[in-house]
């Protein structure tokens, strides 16, 4: 699946990722004050982003889940549930 910079920003906004610009656009997912995962994209505008599979894999999503996030079909809470089901976030006891 190919994504553009605009679609990466949809992901950032939808999942409420924390971002910072450096040589690349850095983004990380924080949950309850802890950084859970990290991804980045180049600053290229309009064109397909390089390392698109890396972005998907770093977000710990399969292709279908990745499409759903871009299509605004998965909320932040649903994303947290996905990460919990994959053992990346421990359920609260």
Protein backbone atom coordinates (compact mmCIF):
# COMPACT_ATOMS: atom_id res chain seq x y z
CA UNK A 1 0.00 0.00 0.00
CA UNK A 2 1.30 3.45 -0.86
CA UNK A 3 0.71 6.53 1.27
CA UNK A 4 1.41 10.20 0.83
CA UNK A 5 2.55 12.76 3.39
CA UNK A 6 -1.05 13.99 3.76
CA UNK A 7 -2.18 10.48 4.72
CA UNK A 8 0.64 10.20 7.25
CA UNK A 9 -0.72 13.38 8.84
CA UNK A 10 -4.18 11.78 9.00
CA UNK A 11 -2.61 8.95 10.99
CA UNK A 12 -0.80 11.42 13.26
CA UNK A 13 -4.03 13.31 13.98
CA UNK A 14 -6.29 10.26 14.28
CA UNK A 15 -4.02 8.39 16.70
CA UNK A 16 -2.92 11.60 18.47
CA UNK A 17 0.76 10.91 17.90
CA UNK A 18 3.29 13.32 19.37
CA UNK A 19 5.44 14.82 16.61
CA UNK A 20 8.66 16.70 16.12
CA UNK A 21 10.43 17.87 12.99
CA UNK A 22 14.11 17.17 12.51
CA UNK A 23 15.73 15.71 9.41
CA UNK A 24 12.47 13.74 9.16
CA UNK A 25 8.98 14.11 10.63
CA UNK A 26 9.18 12.06 13.83
CA UNK A 27 6.06 10.67 15.49
CA UNK A 28 5.54 8.52 18.53
CA UNK A 29 2.55 7.01 20.30
CA UNK A 30 2.24 7.67 24.01
CA UNK A 31 -0.15 5.87 26.32
CA UNK A 32 -0.49 6.70 30.00
CA UNK A 33 2.72 8.71 29.89
CA UNK A 34 4.80 5.95 28.28
CA UNK A 35 6.14 5.91 24.74
CA UNK A 36 4.83 2.72 23.15
CA UNK A 37 6.13 3.01 19.59
CA UNK A 38 7.89 5.34 17.20
CA UNK A 39 7.80 6.04 13.47
CA UNK A 40 8.93 8.70 11.03
CA UNK A 41 8.52 9.93 7.49
CA UNK A 42 10.59 12.05 5.16
CA UNK A 43 9.63 15.66 4.48
CA UNK A 44 8.74 14.94 0.84
CA UNK A 45 5.46 16.58 -0.14
CA UNK A 46 2.83 15.12 -2.44
CA UNK A 47 4.76 12.08 -3.57
CA UNK A 48 4.51 8.56 -2.26
CA UNK A 49 6.53 8.23 0.91
CA UNK A 50 9.55 5.97 1.03
CA UNK A 51 9.55 3.17 3.61
CA UNK A 52 5.76 2.91 3.71
CA UNK A 53 5.84 -0.68 4.90
CA UNK A 54 8.22 0.39 7.66
CA UNK A 55 5.70 3.00 8.82
CA UNK A 56 2.93 0.38 8.91
CA UNK A 57 5.15 -2.12 10.72
CA UNK A 58 6.40 0.45 13.22
CA UNK A 59 2.78 1.28 14.03
CA UNK A 60 2.23 -2.49 14.54
CA UNK A 61 -0.67 -2.62 12.07
CA UNK A 62 -1.50 -5.14 9.38
CA UNK A 63 -2.42 -3.79 5.94
CA UNK A 64 -6.16 -3.85 6.61
CA UNK A 65 -5.79 -2.01 9.94
CA UNK A 66 -3.46 0.50 8.28
CA UNK A 67 -6.05 1.23 5.57
CA UNK A 68 -8.73 1.61 8.23
CA UNK A 69 -6.68 4.15 10.18
CA UNK A 70 -6.05 6.19 7.02
CA UNK A 71 -9.77 5.93 6.17
CA UNK A 72 -10.66 7.17 9.69
CA UNK A 73 -12.39 3.89 10.53
CA UNK A 74 -10.23 3.18 13.59
CA UNK A 75 -10.23 5.54 16.56
CA UNK A 76 -7.42 6.05 19.06
CA UNK A 77 -9.28 3.86 21.57
CA UNK A 78 -9.62 1.08 18.99
CA UNK A 79 -5.91 1.43 18.22
CA UNK A 80 -5.13 1.01 21.92
CA UNK A 81 -7.24 -2.18 21.87
CA UNK A 82 -5.23 -3.44 18.86
CA UNK A 83 -1.95 -2.77 20.69
CA UNK A 84 -3.29 -4.51 23.81
CA UNK A 85 -4.31 -7.56 21.79
CA UNK A 86 -0.76 -7.71 20.39
CA UNK A 87 0.75 -7.47 23.89
CA UNK A 88 2.34 -4.05 23.33
CA UNK A 89 0.22 -2.40 26.01
CA UNK A 90 -0.48 -4.27 29.20
CA UNK A 91 -4.14 -4.21 30.27
CA UNK A 92 -4.74 -2.41 33.54
CA UNK A 93 -5.44 -4.71 36.45
